[in-house]
Amino acid sequence: MDRLDAMSTFLSVVEAGSLSAAARQLKMPLTTISRKISELESYLRTKLFNRSSRQLVLTDAGSSYLAACKRILTDVTEAERTASGEYTAPTGELSVTTPLGLGRTILIPIVADFLMAYPEIKVRMIPTDRVLSLFQEHVDVGLRIGTLPDSSLIAIPLGTTRRVLCASPAYLATHGTPRTPEDLVGHDCINCIGLPRTCRRSSSTRSTAATSRLKTTVQRSHH
């Protein structure tokens, strides 16, 4: 008797609810299924089912044996997958949230190269300037710009960014060209929501901060 085959047949009968249903699922004769269960009970020297005209009910020994069969068959399946190399290449879905600008200009080319190296992985990108909860949104990786709050999450610094103040030639011709942070006081500013309006310059001798006049805010799309 092939014990693994007998275990698999026993499990199929339990899940199907009857010998005939298991026979249909396994596409085997009913007599074959019945014989395998009888041989298994003879080998174990115990009854696994209490049989009636309408249903099969597991005995106490059958319930214990069922739990053991599930564990053993799962272990065997995992061992076969490992031996065959099924787990040598990463598989599954990777969800990543990133700020809109960073995702479009930097992350997409990186993801394209990543998918070429790992074709069995599916990447779900969530470009948004809203800070998502990685746990609640079921996100694997979140790219953030700026200071992070204290949390139990693992953070790895990837690089640095810098913001640049820009002005059109027409604006500078009308309002003058600022030379120092202090010159920004009184100048008009177009700013994205969530970014500070205070400009700072630090050196070994002093630190300077200046806040411009807010004229317009830009709400970046979350879609």
N, C-alpha and C. Protein backbone atom coordinates (compact mmCIF):
# COMPACT_ATOMS: atom_id res chain seq x y z
N MET A 1 0.83 -1.21 0.00
CA MET A 1 0.00 0.00 0.00
C MET A 1 0.87 1.25 0.00
N ASP A 2 0.55 2.17 -0.90
CA ASP A 2 1.23 3.46 -0.95
C ASP A 2 0.59 4.35 0.12
N ARG A 3 1.33 4.59 1.21
CA ARG A 3 0.73 5.30 2.34
C ARG A 3 0.40 6.76 2.01
N LEU A 4 1.27 7.44 1.25
CA LEU A 4 0.97 8.82 0.87
C LEU A 4 -0.26 8.90 -0.02
N ASP A 5 -0.40 7.91 -0.92
CA ASP A 5 -1.58 7.87 -1.78
C ASP A 5 -2.82 7.58 -0.95
N ALA A 6 -2.68 6.70 0.04
CA ALA A 6 -3.81 6.38 0.91
C ALA A 6 -4.22 7.59 1.74
N MET A 7 -3.23 8.33 2.24
CA MET A 7 -3.53 9.56 2.99
C MET A 7 -4.27 10.57 2.12
N SER A 8 -3.77 10.73 0.90
CA SER A 8 -4.40 11.68 -0.03
C SER A 8 -5.83 11.28 -0.34
N THR A 9 -6.08 9.99 -0.52
CA THR A 9 -7.43 9.50 -0.79
C THR A 9 -8.33 9.72 0.42
N PHE A 10 -7.81 9.42 1.61
CA PHE A 10 -8.56 9.64 2.84
C PHE A 10 -8.95 11.11 2.99
N LEU A 11 -8.00 12.01 2.73
CA LEU A 11 -8.27 13.44 2.83
C LEU A 11 -9.33 13.87 1.81
N SER A 12 -9.26 13.32 0.62
CA SER A 12 -10.25 13.65 -0.42
C SER A 12 -11.65 13.21 -0.01
N VAL A 13 -11.75 12.03 0.61
CA VAL A 13 -13.05 11.54 1.06
C VAL A 13 -13.63 12.45 2.14
N VAL A 14 -12.78 12.87 3.08
CA VAL A 14 -13.25 13.76 4.14
C VAL A 14 -13.72 15.08 3.56
N GLU A 15 -12.94 15.67 2.66
CA GLU A 15 -13.30 16.96 2.09
C GLU A 15 -14.53 16.88 1.20
N ALA A 16 -14.69 15.74 0.49
CA ALA A 16 -15.84 15.59 -0.40
C ALA A 16 -17.10 15.22 0.37
N GLY A 17 -16.97 14.59 1.51
CA GLY A 17 -18.11 14.24 2.33
C GLY A 17 -18.64 12.85 2.13
N SER A 18 -18.19 12.16 1.10
CA SER A 18 -18.66 10.79 0.87
C SER A 18 -17.69 10.09 -0.07
N LEU A 19 -17.78 8.77 -0.10
CA LEU A 19 -16.93 8.00 -1.00
C LEU A 19 -17.28 8.29 -2.46
N SER A 20 -18.56 8.35 -2.76
CA SER A 20 -18.97 8.57 -4.15
C SER A 20 -18.55 9.95 -4.64
N ALA A 21 -18.69 10.97 -3.78
CA ALA A 21 -18.28 12.32 -4.19
C ALA A 21 -16.77 12.38 -4.42
N ALA A 22 -16.00 11.72 -3.57
CA ALA A 22 -14.55 11.68 -3.75
C ALA A 22 -14.19 10.95 -5.03
N ALA A 23 -14.91 9.88 -5.34
CA ALA A 23 -14.65 9.13 -6.57
C ALA A 23 -14.88 10.01 -7.80
N ARG A 24 -15.94 10.82 -7.76
CA ARG A 24 -16.20 11.71 -8.89
C ARG A 24 -15.11 12.77 -9.02
N GLN A 25 -14.68 13.35 -7.91
CA GLN A 25 -13.65 14.37 -7.95
C GLN A 25 -12.31 13.82 -8.44
N LEU A 26 -11.98 12.62 -7.98
CA LEU A 26 -10.71 12.01 -8.36
C LEU A 26 -10.79 11.26 -9.68
N LYS A 27 -12.02 11.15 -10.22
CA LYS A 27 -12.25 10.43 -11.48
C LYS A 27 -11.74 8.99 -11.38
N MET A 28 -12.14 8.35 -10.30
CA MET A 28 -11.78 6.95 -10.05
C MET A 28 -13.04 6.16 -9.75
N PRO A 29 -13.04 4.85 -9.98
CA PRO A 29 -14.20 4.02 -9.63
C PRO A 29 -14.47 4.07 -8.13
N LEU A 30 -15.74 4.02 -7.78
CA LEU A 30 -16.12 4.02 -6.36
C LEU A 30 -15.52 2.83 -5.63
N THR A 31 -15.46 1.69 -6.29
CA THR A 31 -14.90 0.49 -5.67
C THR A 31 -13.42 0.68 -5.31
N THR A 32 -12.70 1.44 -6.15
CA THR A 32 -11.28 1.69 -5.87
C THR A 32 -11.12 2.56 -4.63
N ILE A 33 -11.94 3.59 -4.52
CA ILE A 33 -11.88 4.48 -3.35
C ILE A 33 -12.22 3.69 -2.09
N SER A 34 -13.28 2.90 -2.16
CA SER A 34 -13.69 2.11 -1.00
C SER A 34 -12.60 1.14 -0.59
N ARG A 35 -11.96 0.51 -1.58
CA ARG A 35 -10.89 -0.46 -1.27
C ARG A 35 -9.71 0.23 -0.61
N LYS A 36 -9.34 1.42 -1.09
CA LYS A 36 -8.19 2.12 -0.50
C LYS A 36 -8.46 2.51 0.95
N ILE A 37 -9.68 2.94 1.24
CA ILE A 37 -10.01 3.30 2.61
C ILE A 37 -10.01 2.06 3.51
N SER A 38 -10.53 0.97 3.00
CA SER A 38 -10.55 -0.28 3.77
C SER A 38 -9.13 -0.77 4.04
N GLU A 39 -8.27 -0.70 3.03
CA GLU A 39 -6.87 -1.12 3.22
C GLU A 39 -6.17 -0.23 4.24
N LEU A 40 -6.47 1.06 4.21
CA LEU A 40 -5.85 1.97 5.17
C LEU A 40 -6.32 1.66 6.58
N GLU A 41 -7.59 1.40 6.75
CA GLU A 41 -8.10 1.06 8.09
C GLU A 41 -7.51 -0.26 8.58
N SER A 42 -7.34 -1.20 7.67
CA SER A 42 -6.73 -2.48 8.06
C SER A 42 -5.28 -2.27 8.48
N TYR A 43 -4.57 -1.44 7.75
CA TYR A 43 -3.17 -1.17 8.07
C TYR A 43 -3.05 -0.49 9.44
N LEU A 44 -3.95 0.48 9.69
CA LEU A 44 -3.90 1.21 10.95
C LEU A 44 -4.54 0.44 12.11
N ARG A 45 -5.31 -0.63 11.77
CA ARG A 45 -6.02 -1.44 12.76
C ARG A 45 -7.00 -0.61 13.57
N THR A 46 -7.68 0.27 12.88
CA THR A 46 -8.70 1.09 13.54
C THR A 46 -9.69 1.59 12.49
N LYS A 47 -10.87 1.95 12.93
CA LYS A 47 -11.86 2.52 12.03
C LYS A 47 -11.66 4.03 11.95
N LEU A 48 -11.67 4.54 10.72
CA LEU A 48 -11.55 5.98 10.52
C LEU A 48 -12.91 6.66 10.36
N PHE A 49 -13.88 5.90 9.89
CA PHE A 49 -15.22 6.44 9.68
C PHE A 49 -16.26 5.56 10.37
N ASN A 50 -17.32 6.20 10.86
CA ASN A 50 -18.54 5.51 11.20
C ASN A 50 -19.47 5.65 10.00
N ARG A 51 -19.75 4.53 9.32
CA ARG A 51 -20.51 4.58 8.09
C ARG A 51 -22.00 4.42 8.36
N SER A 52 -22.79 5.22 7.66
CA SER A 52 -24.24 5.05 7.67
C SER A 52 -24.72 5.12 6.23
N SER A 53 -25.99 4.95 6.04
CA SER A 53 -26.53 4.96 4.67
C SER A 53 -26.49 6.34 4.05
N ARG A 54 -26.36 7.39 4.89
CA ARG A 54 -26.44 8.76 4.36
C ARG A 54 -25.10 9.50 4.40
N GLN A 55 -24.26 9.23 5.35
CA GLN A 55 -23.04 10.01 5.48
C GLN A 55 -21.93 9.23 6.16
N LEU A 56 -20.73 9.80 6.05
CA LEU A 56 -19.57 9.28 6.75
C LEU A 56 -19.22 10.24 7.88
N VAL A 57 -19.01 9.69 9.05
CA VAL A 57 -18.65 10.51 10.21
C VAL A 57 -17.30 10.02 10.73
N LEU A 58 -16.38 10.95 10.91
CA LEU A 58 -15.06 10.57 11.42
C LEU A 58 -15.14 10.06 12.84
N THR A 59 -14.39 9.01 13.12
CA THR A 59 -14.22 8.56 14.49
C THR A 59 -13.19 9.46 15.17
N ASP A 60 -13.01 9.26 16.46
CA ASP A 60 -11.97 10.04 17.17
C ASP A 60 -10.60 9.77 16.57
N ALA A 61 -10.34 8.51 16.27
CA ALA A 61 -9.06 8.15 15.64
C ALA A 61 -8.96 8.78 14.25
N GLY A 62 -10.08 8.81 13.53
CA GLY A 62 -10.09 9.41 12.21
C GLY A 62 -9.80 10.90 12.25
N SER A 63 -10.35 11.60 13.25
CA SER A 63 -10.09 13.04 13.39
C SER A 63 -8.62 13.32 13.67
N SER A 64 -8.03 12.52 14.54
CA SER A 64 -6.60 12.69 14.84
C SER A 64 -5.75 12.38 13.61
N TYR A 65 -6.12 11.33 12.90
CA TYR A 65 -5.36 10.95 11.71
C TYR A 65 -5.51 12.00 10.62
N LEU A 66 -6.67 12.63 10.53
CA LEU A 66 -6.89 13.68 9.53
C LEU A 66 -5.93 14.84 9.74
N ALA A 67 -5.77 15.29 10.98
CA ALA A 67 -4.86 16.39 11.27
C ALA A 67 -3.42 16.03 10.90
N ALA A 68 -3.04 14.80 11.21
CA ALA A 68 -1.69 14.35 10.87
C ALA A 68 -1.50 14.26 9.37
N CYS A 69 -2.52 13.77 8.65
CA CYS A 69 -2.43 13.66 7.19
C CYS A 69 -2.23 15.02 6.54
N LYS A 70 -3.00 16.02 7.00
CA LYS A 70 -2.87 17.36 6.43
C LYS A 70 -1.46 17.90 6.62
N ARG A 71 -0.92 17.71 7.82
CA ARG A 71 0.43 18.20 8.10
C ARG A 71 1.47 17.48 7.26
N ILE A 72 1.36 16.17 7.18
CA ILE A 72 2.35 15.37 6.44
C ILE A 72 2.30 15.68 4.95
N LEU A 73 1.11 15.74 4.38
CA LEU A 73 0.98 16.01 2.94
C LEU A 73 1.45 17.41 2.59
N THR A 74 1.21 18.38 3.49
CA THR A 74 1.71 19.74 3.26
C THR A 74 3.22 19.77 3.27
N ASP A 75 3.82 19.07 4.24
CA ASP A 75 5.28 19.02 4.33
C ASP A 75 5.89 18.37 3.08
N VAL A 76 5.26 17.31 2.61
CA VAL A 76 5.76 16.62 1.43
C VAL A 76 5.67 17.53 0.20
N THR A 77 4.56 18.24 0.06
CA THR A 77 4.40 19.16 -1.07
C THR A 77 5.46 20.25 -1.04
N GLU A 78 5.70 20.84 0.14
CA GLU A 78 6.71 21.89 0.27
C GLU A 78 8.10 21.35 -0.04
N ALA A 79 8.39 20.14 0.41
CA ALA A 79 9.70 19.54 0.14
C ALA A 79 9.89 19.31 -1.35
N GLU A 80 8.86 18.86 -2.03
CA GLU A 80 8.95 18.62 -3.47
C GLU A 80 9.15 19.93 -4.23
N ARG A 81 8.47 20.98 -3.80
CA ARG A 81 8.62 22.28 -4.46
C ARG A 81 10.03 22.83 -4.27
N THR A 82 10.56 22.66 -3.07
CA THR A 82 11.92 23.13 -2.81
C THR A 82 12.93 22.36 -3.63
N ALA A 83 12.76 21.04 -3.67
CA ALA A 83 13.71 20.20 -4.42
C ALA A 83 13.65 20.47 -5.91
N SER A 84 12.47 20.79 -6.42
CA SER A 84 12.34 21.03 -7.86
C SER A 84 12.76 22.43 -8.28
N GLY A 85 13.10 23.27 -7.29
CA GLY A 85 13.56 24.62 -7.61
C GLY A 85 12.45 25.63 -7.80
N GLU A 86 11.23 25.28 -7.37
CA GLU A 86 10.11 26.21 -7.57
C GLU A 86 10.31 27.49 -6.79
N TYR A 87 11.02 27.40 -5.65
CA TYR A 87 11.20 28.58 -4.81
C TYR A 87 12.52 29.31 -5.07
N THR A 88 13.24 28.93 -6.10
CA THR A 88 14.50 29.60 -6.36
C THR A 88 14.28 31.00 -6.93
N ALA A 89 13.18 31.24 -7.62
CA ALA A 89 12.88 32.56 -8.18
C ALA A 89 11.74 33.20 -7.38
N PRO A 90 11.89 34.47 -7.00
CA PRO A 90 10.83 35.14 -6.23
C PRO A 90 9.54 35.23 -7.05
N THR A 91 8.42 35.04 -6.37
CA THR A 91 7.11 35.14 -7.01
C THR A 91 6.18 35.93 -6.10
N GLY A 92 5.05 36.38 -6.66
CA GLY A 92 4.05 37.07 -5.86
C GLY A 92 3.85 38.50 -6.31
N GLU A 93 3.18 39.28 -5.46
CA GLU A 93 2.87 40.69 -5.77
C GLU A 93 3.61 41.60 -4.81
N LEU A 94 4.15 42.68 -5.34
CA LEU A 94 4.85 43.69 -4.55
C LEU A 94 4.12 45.02 -4.74
N SER A 95 3.57 45.55 -3.66
CA SER A 95 2.86 46.83 -3.75
C SER A 95 3.75 47.95 -3.21
N VAL A 96 3.82 49.05 -3.97
CA VAL A 96 4.72 50.15 -3.64
C VAL A 96 3.95 51.46 -3.75
N THR A 97 4.02 52.29 -2.72
CA THR A 97 3.45 53.62 -2.79
C THR A 97 4.58 54.64 -2.86
N THR A 98 4.38 55.68 -3.65
CA THR A 98 5.43 56.66 -3.90
C THR A 98 4.81 58.01 -4.22
N PRO A 99 5.48 59.11 -3.89
CA PRO A 99 4.99 60.41 -4.31
C PRO A 99 4.86 60.48 -5.83
N LEU A 100 3.93 61.29 -6.32
CA LEU A 100 3.63 61.33 -7.75
C LEU A 100 4.87 61.62 -8.59
N GLY A 101 5.55 62.72 -8.29
CA GLY A 101 6.70 63.11 -9.10
C GLY A 101 7.81 62.09 -9.06
N LEU A 102 8.08 61.56 -7.88
CA LEU A 102 9.16 60.57 -7.74
C LEU A 102 8.82 59.29 -8.50
N GLY A 103 7.57 58.88 -8.46
CA GLY A 103 7.17 57.65 -9.14
C GLY A 103 7.31 57.76 -10.65
N ARG A 104 6.89 58.90 -11.20
CA ARG A 104 6.91 59.05 -12.65
C ARG A 104 8.32 59.21 -13.21
N THR A 105 9.14 59.98 -12.52
CA THR A 105 10.45 60.31 -13.09
C THR A 105 11.55 59.34 -12.71
N ILE A 106 11.44 58.71 -11.56
CA ILE A 106 12.55 57.89 -11.06
C ILE A 106 12.16 56.43 -10.91
N LEU A 107 11.01 56.17 -10.29
CA LEU A 107 10.71 54.79 -9.90
C LEU A 107 10.30 53.91 -11.07
N ILE A 108 9.54 54.43 -12.01
CA ILE A 108 9.05 53.59 -13.12
C ILE A 108 10.19 52.94 -13.90
N PRO A 109 11.25 53.65 -14.28
CA PRO A 109 12.37 52.96 -14.95
C PRO A 109 13.02 51.88 -14.08
N ILE A 110 13.09 52.12 -12.77
CA ILE A 110 13.67 51.13 -11.87
C ILE A 110 12.78 49.89 -11.80
N VAL A 111 11.46 50.10 -11.74
CA VAL A 111 10.53 48.98 -11.69
C VAL A 111 10.61 48.17 -12.98
N ALA A 112 10.76 48.85 -14.11
CA ALA A 112 10.87 48.14 -15.39
C ALA A 112 12.08 47.20 -15.39
N ASP A 113 13.22 47.68 -14.90
CA ASP A 113 14.40 46.82 -14.81
C ASP A 113 14.18 45.68 -13.81
N PHE A 114 13.49 45.98 -12.71
CA PHE A 114 13.21 44.97 -11.69
C PHE A 114 12.36 43.85 -12.26
N LEU A 115 11.35 44.20 -13.06
CA LEU A 115 10.47 43.18 -13.63
C LEU A 115 11.19 42.33 -14.67
N MET A 116 12.16 42.90 -15.34
CA MET A 116 12.96 42.11 -16.27
C MET A 116 13.80 41.07 -15.52
N ALA A 117 14.28 41.46 -14.35
CA ALA A 117 15.11 40.54 -13.56
C ALA A 117 14.26 39.50 -12.83
N TYR A 118 13.03 39.89 -12.44
CA TYR A 118 12.15 38.98 -11.69
C TYR A 118 10.77 38.95 -12.36
N PRO A 119 10.65 38.24 -13.46
CA PRO A 119 9.40 38.26 -14.24
C PRO A 119 8.21 37.61 -13.55
N GLU A 120 8.45 36.82 -12.49
CA GLU A 120 7.34 36.16 -11.80
C GLU A 120 6.70 37.05 -10.75
N ILE A 121 7.24 38.25 -10.55
CA ILE A 121 6.68 39.18 -9.57
C ILE A 121 5.80 40.21 -10.27
N LYS A 122 4.65 40.49 -9.69
CA LYS A 122 3.76 41.54 -10.18
C LYS A 122 3.88 42.75 -9.27
N VAL A 123 4.12 43.92 -9.85
CA VAL A 123 4.29 45.15 -9.07
C VAL A 123 3.02 45.98 -9.17
N ARG A 124 2.49 46.36 -8.02
CA ARG A 124 1.33 47.25 -7.97
C ARG A 124 1.81 48.59 -7.43
N MET A 125 1.85 49.61 -8.30
CA MET A 125 2.31 50.93 -7.90
C MET A 125 1.13 51.80 -7.50
N ILE A 126 1.31 52.53 -6.41
CA ILE A 126 0.28 53.44 -5.91
C ILE A 126 0.88 54.84 -5.84
N PRO A 127 0.87 55.59 -6.96
CA PRO A 127 1.42 56.95 -6.93
C PRO A 127 0.44 57.92 -6.29
N THR A 128 0.84 58.53 -5.21
CA THR A 128 -0.01 59.49 -4.51
C THR A 128 0.84 60.36 -3.60
N ASP A 129 0.43 61.60 -3.44
CA ASP A 129 1.12 62.48 -2.51
C ASP A 129 0.51 62.40 -1.11
N ARG A 130 -0.49 61.54 -0.95
CA ARG A 130 -1.08 61.30 0.36
C ARG A 130 -0.26 60.22 1.07
N VAL A 131 0.04 60.43 2.33
CA VAL A 131 0.82 59.45 3.10
C VAL A 131 -0.11 58.32 3.52
N LEU A 132 0.08 57.16 2.91
CA LEU A 132 -0.76 56.00 3.19
C LEU A 132 -0.24 55.22 4.39
N SER A 133 -1.15 54.60 5.10
CA SER A 133 -0.77 53.66 6.15
C SER A 133 -0.41 52.34 5.48
N LEU A 134 0.84 51.93 5.59
CA LEU A 134 1.28 50.71 4.93
C LEU A 134 0.50 49.50 5.44
N PHE A 135 0.20 49.49 6.72
CA PHE A 135 -0.51 48.35 7.30
C PHE A 135 -1.97 48.32 6.84
N GLN A 136 -2.65 49.45 6.94
CA GLN A 136 -4.08 49.46 6.60
C GLN A 136 -4.31 49.30 5.10
N GLU A 137 -3.41 49.81 4.27
CA GLU A 137 -3.58 49.74 2.83
C GLU A 137 -2.92 48.50 2.21
N HIS A 138 -2.34 47.64 3.06
CA HIS A 138 -1.68 46.41 2.60
C HIS A 138 -0.57 46.73 1.58
N VAL A 139 0.28 47.68 1.94
CA VAL A 139 1.38 48.11 1.08
C VAL A 139 2.69 47.52 1.62
N ASP A 140 3.51 47.00 0.72
CA ASP A 140 4.78 46.38 1.14
C ASP A 140 5.88 47.42 1.36
N VAL A 141 5.97 48.38 0.44
CA VAL A 141 7.06 49.36 0.48
C VAL A 141 6.49 50.74 0.25
N GLY A 142 6.92 51.70 1.06
CA GLY A 142 6.51 53.08 0.87
C GLY A 142 7.73 53.97 0.72
N LEU A 143 7.79 54.73 -0.37
CA LEU A 143 8.87 55.70 -0.56
C LEU A 143 8.41 57.04 0.00
N ARG A 144 9.23 57.64 0.84
CA ARG A 144 8.89 58.89 1.51
C ARG A 144 9.99 59.92 1.29
N ILE A 145 9.59 61.17 1.25
CA ILE A 145 10.54 62.28 1.16
C ILE A 145 10.36 63.14 2.39
N GLY A 146 11.43 63.38 3.13
CA GLY A 146 11.34 64.22 4.32
C GLY A 146 11.59 63.43 5.58
N THR A 147 11.32 64.08 6.71
CA THR A 147 11.53 63.47 8.02
C THR A 147 10.40 62.49 8.32
N LEU A 148 10.77 61.29 8.77
CA LEU A 148 9.78 60.26 9.07
C LEU A 148 9.44 60.26 10.55
N PRO A 149 8.17 60.02 10.89
CA PRO A 149 7.82 59.89 12.31
C PRO A 149 8.36 58.59 12.88
N ASP A 150 8.50 58.56 14.20
CA ASP A 150 8.95 57.34 14.85
C ASP A 150 7.89 56.25 14.68
N SER A 151 8.32 55.05 14.34
CA SER A 151 7.41 53.93 14.20
C SER A 151 8.21 52.64 14.29
N SER A 152 7.49 51.52 14.22
CA SER A 152 8.14 50.21 14.25
C SER A 152 8.56 49.76 12.86
N LEU A 153 8.29 50.57 11.82
CA LEU A 153 8.65 50.21 10.46
C LEU A 153 10.15 50.37 10.25
N ILE A 154 10.68 49.61 9.31
CA ILE A 154 12.10 49.68 8.99
C ILE A 154 12.30 50.69 7.87
N ALA A 155 13.13 51.70 8.09
CA ALA A 155 13.39 52.75 7.10
C ALA A 155 14.84 52.69 6.65
N ILE A 156 15.06 52.78 5.36
CA ILE A 156 16.40 52.75 4.79
C ILE A 156 16.58 54.01 3.94
N PRO A 157 17.55 54.88 4.25
CA PRO A 157 17.77 56.08 3.42
C PRO A 157 18.30 55.70 2.04
N LEU A 158 17.69 56.25 1.00
CA LEU A 158 18.07 55.93 -0.37
C LEU A 158 18.82 57.07 -1.05
N GLY A 159 18.65 58.28 -0.58
CA GLY A 159 19.32 59.41 -1.21
C GLY A 159 18.82 60.72 -0.63
N THR A 160 19.22 61.80 -1.24
CA THR A 160 18.82 63.13 -0.78
C THR A 160 18.19 63.91 -1.94
N THR A 161 17.36 64.85 -1.59
CA THR A 161 16.76 65.75 -2.58
C THR A 161 16.95 67.18 -2.12
N ARG A 162 16.83 68.11 -3.05
CA ARG A 162 16.89 69.52 -2.68
C ARG A 162 15.84 70.28 -3.47
N ARG A 163 15.29 71.32 -2.85
CA ARG A 163 14.30 72.16 -3.50
C ARG A 163 14.97 73.42 -4.02
N VAL A 164 14.48 73.88 -5.16
CA VAL A 164 15.07 75.05 -5.82
C VAL A 164 14.00 76.11 -5.98
N LEU A 165 14.35 77.36 -5.66
CA LEU A 165 13.46 78.49 -5.89
C LEU A 165 13.63 78.98 -7.32
N CYS A 166 12.52 79.14 -8.03
CA CYS A 166 12.56 79.57 -9.42
C CYS A 166 11.65 80.77 -9.62
N ALA A 167 11.99 81.59 -10.58
CA ALA A 167 11.16 82.74 -10.92
C ALA A 167 11.28 83.02 -12.41
N SER A 168 10.21 83.54 -13.00
CA SER A 168 10.24 83.88 -14.42
C SER A 168 11.00 85.19 -14.63
N PRO A 169 11.58 85.39 -15.80
CA PRO A 169 12.26 86.67 -16.09
C PRO A 169 11.34 87.87 -15.90
N ALA A 170 10.06 87.71 -16.25
CA ALA A 170 9.12 88.83 -16.12
C ALA A 170 8.91 89.20 -14.66
N TYR A 171 8.81 88.18 -13.79
CA TYR A 171 8.63 88.46 -12.36
C TYR A 171 9.86 89.17 -11.80
N LEU A 172 11.04 88.68 -12.15
CA LEU A 172 12.27 89.29 -11.64
C LEU A 172 12.43 90.71 -12.15
N ALA A 173 12.01 90.96 -13.39
CA ALA A 173 12.11 92.31 -13.93
C ALA A 173 11.21 93.27 -13.18
N THR A 174 10.07 92.74 -12.68
CA THR A 174 9.11 93.60 -11.98
C THR A 174 9.45 93.76 -10.50
N HIS A 175 9.86 92.66 -9.85
CA HIS A 175 10.03 92.67 -8.40
C HIS A 175 11.49 92.65 -7.95
N GLY A 176 12.40 92.49 -8.88
CA GLY A 176 13.80 92.42 -8.50
C GLY A 176 14.25 91.00 -8.22
N THR A 177 15.57 90.79 -8.28
CA THR A 177 16.15 89.46 -8.06
C THR A 177 16.68 89.33 -6.65
N PRO A 178 16.15 88.40 -5.84
CA PRO A 178 16.66 88.23 -4.47
C PRO A 178 18.06 87.62 -4.49
N ARG A 179 18.90 88.13 -3.60
CA ARG A 179 20.28 87.64 -3.51
C ARG A 179 20.53 86.80 -2.26
N THR A 180 19.75 87.04 -1.23
CA THR A 180 19.92 86.34 0.04
C THR A 180 18.54 85.87 0.51
N PRO A 181 18.49 84.93 1.48
CA PRO A 181 17.19 84.52 2.01
C PRO A 181 16.38 85.69 2.57
N GLU A 182 17.07 86.68 3.16
CA GLU A 182 16.34 87.82 3.69
C GLU A 182 15.62 88.60 2.61
N ASP A 183 16.15 88.56 1.37
CA ASP A 183 15.51 89.28 0.26
C ASP A 183 14.16 88.67 -0.13
N LEU A 184 13.91 87.41 0.29
CA LEU A 184 12.66 86.75 -0.09
C LEU A 184 11.46 87.31 0.67
N VAL A 185 11.71 87.96 1.81
CA VAL A 185 10.60 88.53 2.58
C VAL A 185 9.89 89.56 1.72
N GLY A 186 8.60 89.39 1.55
CA GLY A 186 7.83 90.32 0.72
C GLY A 186 7.65 89.85 -0.70
N HIS A 187 8.40 88.81 -1.11
CA HIS A 187 8.20 88.26 -2.45
C HIS A 187 7.01 87.31 -2.46
N ASP A 188 6.36 87.19 -3.62
CA ASP A 188 5.23 86.29 -3.77
C ASP A 188 5.72 84.86 -3.98
N CYS A 189 4.91 83.91 -3.55
CA CYS A 189 5.32 82.51 -3.62
C CYS A 189 4.17 81.64 -4.09
N ILE A 190 4.45 80.73 -5.01
CA ILE A 190 3.52 79.66 -5.39
C ILE A 190 4.06 78.38 -4.78
N ASN A 191 3.27 77.76 -3.94
CA ASN A 191 3.78 76.64 -3.15
C ASN A 191 2.83 75.45 -3.23
N CYS A 192 3.38 74.24 -3.23
CA CYS A 192 2.57 73.02 -3.17
C CYS A 192 2.13 72.77 -1.73
N ILE A 193 0.89 72.32 -1.56
CA ILE A 193 0.38 72.04 -0.23
C ILE A 193 1.25 70.96 0.43
N GLY A 194 1.59 71.23 1.68
CA GLY A 194 2.40 70.26 2.42
C GLY A 194 3.87 70.62 2.46
N LEU A 195 4.32 71.56 1.61
CA LEU A 195 5.72 71.99 1.62
C LEU A 195 5.85 73.31 2.37
N PRO A 196 6.90 73.48 3.18
CA PRO A 196 7.06 74.70 3.95
C PRO A 196 7.40 75.89 3.06
N ARG A 197 7.03 77.10 3.53
CA ARG A 197 7.34 78.32 2.78
C ARG A 197 8.58 79.01 3.33
N THR A 198 9.15 78.44 4.37
CA THR A 198 10.32 79.04 4.97
C THR A 198 11.59 78.51 4.33
N CYS A 199 12.45 79.41 3.86
CA CYS A 199 13.73 79.02 3.27
C CYS A 199 14.83 79.22 4.31
N ARG A 200 15.71 78.25 4.43
CA ARG A 200 16.77 78.31 5.42
C ARG A 200 18.14 78.15 4.75
N ARG A 201 19.10 78.89 5.28
CA ARG A 201 20.48 78.74 4.83
C ARG A 201 21.36 78.68 6.07
N SER A 202 22.14 77.63 6.16
CA SER A 202 22.99 77.44 7.33
C SER A 202 24.45 77.42 6.91
N SER A 203 25.30 77.94 7.77
CA SER A 203 26.75 77.90 7.56
C SER A 203 27.40 77.67 8.91
N SER A 204 28.72 77.69 8.92
CA SER A 204 29.43 77.45 10.18
C SER A 204 29.30 78.63 11.14
N THR A 205 28.87 79.78 10.63
CA THR A 205 28.81 80.96 11.48
C THR A 205 27.40 81.40 11.82
N ARG A 206 26.40 81.12 10.96
CA ARG A 206 25.06 81.57 11.27
C ARG A 206 24.03 80.75 10.49
N SER A 207 22.79 80.86 10.96
CA SER A 207 21.66 80.23 10.29
C SER A 207 20.62 81.29 10.00
N THR A 208 20.13 81.31 8.76
CA THR A 208 19.19 82.35 8.34
C THR A 208 17.91 81.70 7.85
N ALA A 209 16.78 82.28 8.21
CA ALA A 209 15.48 81.79 7.75
C ALA A 209 14.64 82.96 7.27
N ALA A 210 13.92 82.78 6.18
CA ALA A 210 13.04 83.82 5.66
C ALA A 210 11.79 83.18 5.10
N THR A 211 10.64 83.82 5.33
CA THR A 211 9.36 83.31 4.85
C THR A 211 8.79 84.27 3.82
N SER A 212 8.43 83.72 2.65
CA SER A 212 7.88 84.55 1.58
C SER A 212 6.38 84.71 1.77
N ARG A 213 5.81 85.61 0.97
CA ARG A 213 4.37 85.87 1.02
C ARG A 213 3.65 84.84 0.15
N LEU A 214 2.68 84.12 0.73
CA LEU A 214 1.99 83.06 0.00
C LEU A 214 0.88 83.67 -0.84
N LYS A 215 0.96 83.46 -2.16
CA LYS A 215 -0.06 83.94 -3.08
C LYS A 215 -0.96 82.82 -3.57
N THR A 216 -0.37 81.69 -3.91
CA THR A 216 -1.13 80.59 -4.50
C THR A 216 -0.62 79.26 -3.96
N THR A 217 -1.55 78.34 -3.68
CA THR A 217 -1.17 76.98 -3.33
C THR A 217 -1.62 76.05 -4.42
N VAL A 218 -0.85 75.00 -4.63
CA VAL A 218 -1.14 74.02 -5.67
C VAL A 218 -1.47 72.69 -4.99
N GLN A 219 -2.66 72.17 -5.25
CA GLN A 219 -3.06 70.84 -4.75
C GLN A 219 -2.72 69.81 -5.82
N ARG A 220 -1.76 68.93 -5.54
CA ARG A 220 -1.37 67.92 -6.49
C ARG A 220 -2.36 66.78 -6.46
N SER A 221 -2.69 66.22 -7.63
CA SER A 221 -3.69 65.18 -7.74
C SER A 221 -3.24 63.92 -7.07
N HIS A 222 -4.19 63.17 -6.50
CA HIS A 222 -3.89 61.88 -5.87
C HIS A 222 -4.15 60.73 -6.83
N HIS A 223 -4.58 60.99 -8.04
CA HIS A 223 -4.96 59.94 -8.97
C HIS A 223 -3.86 59.73 -10.00
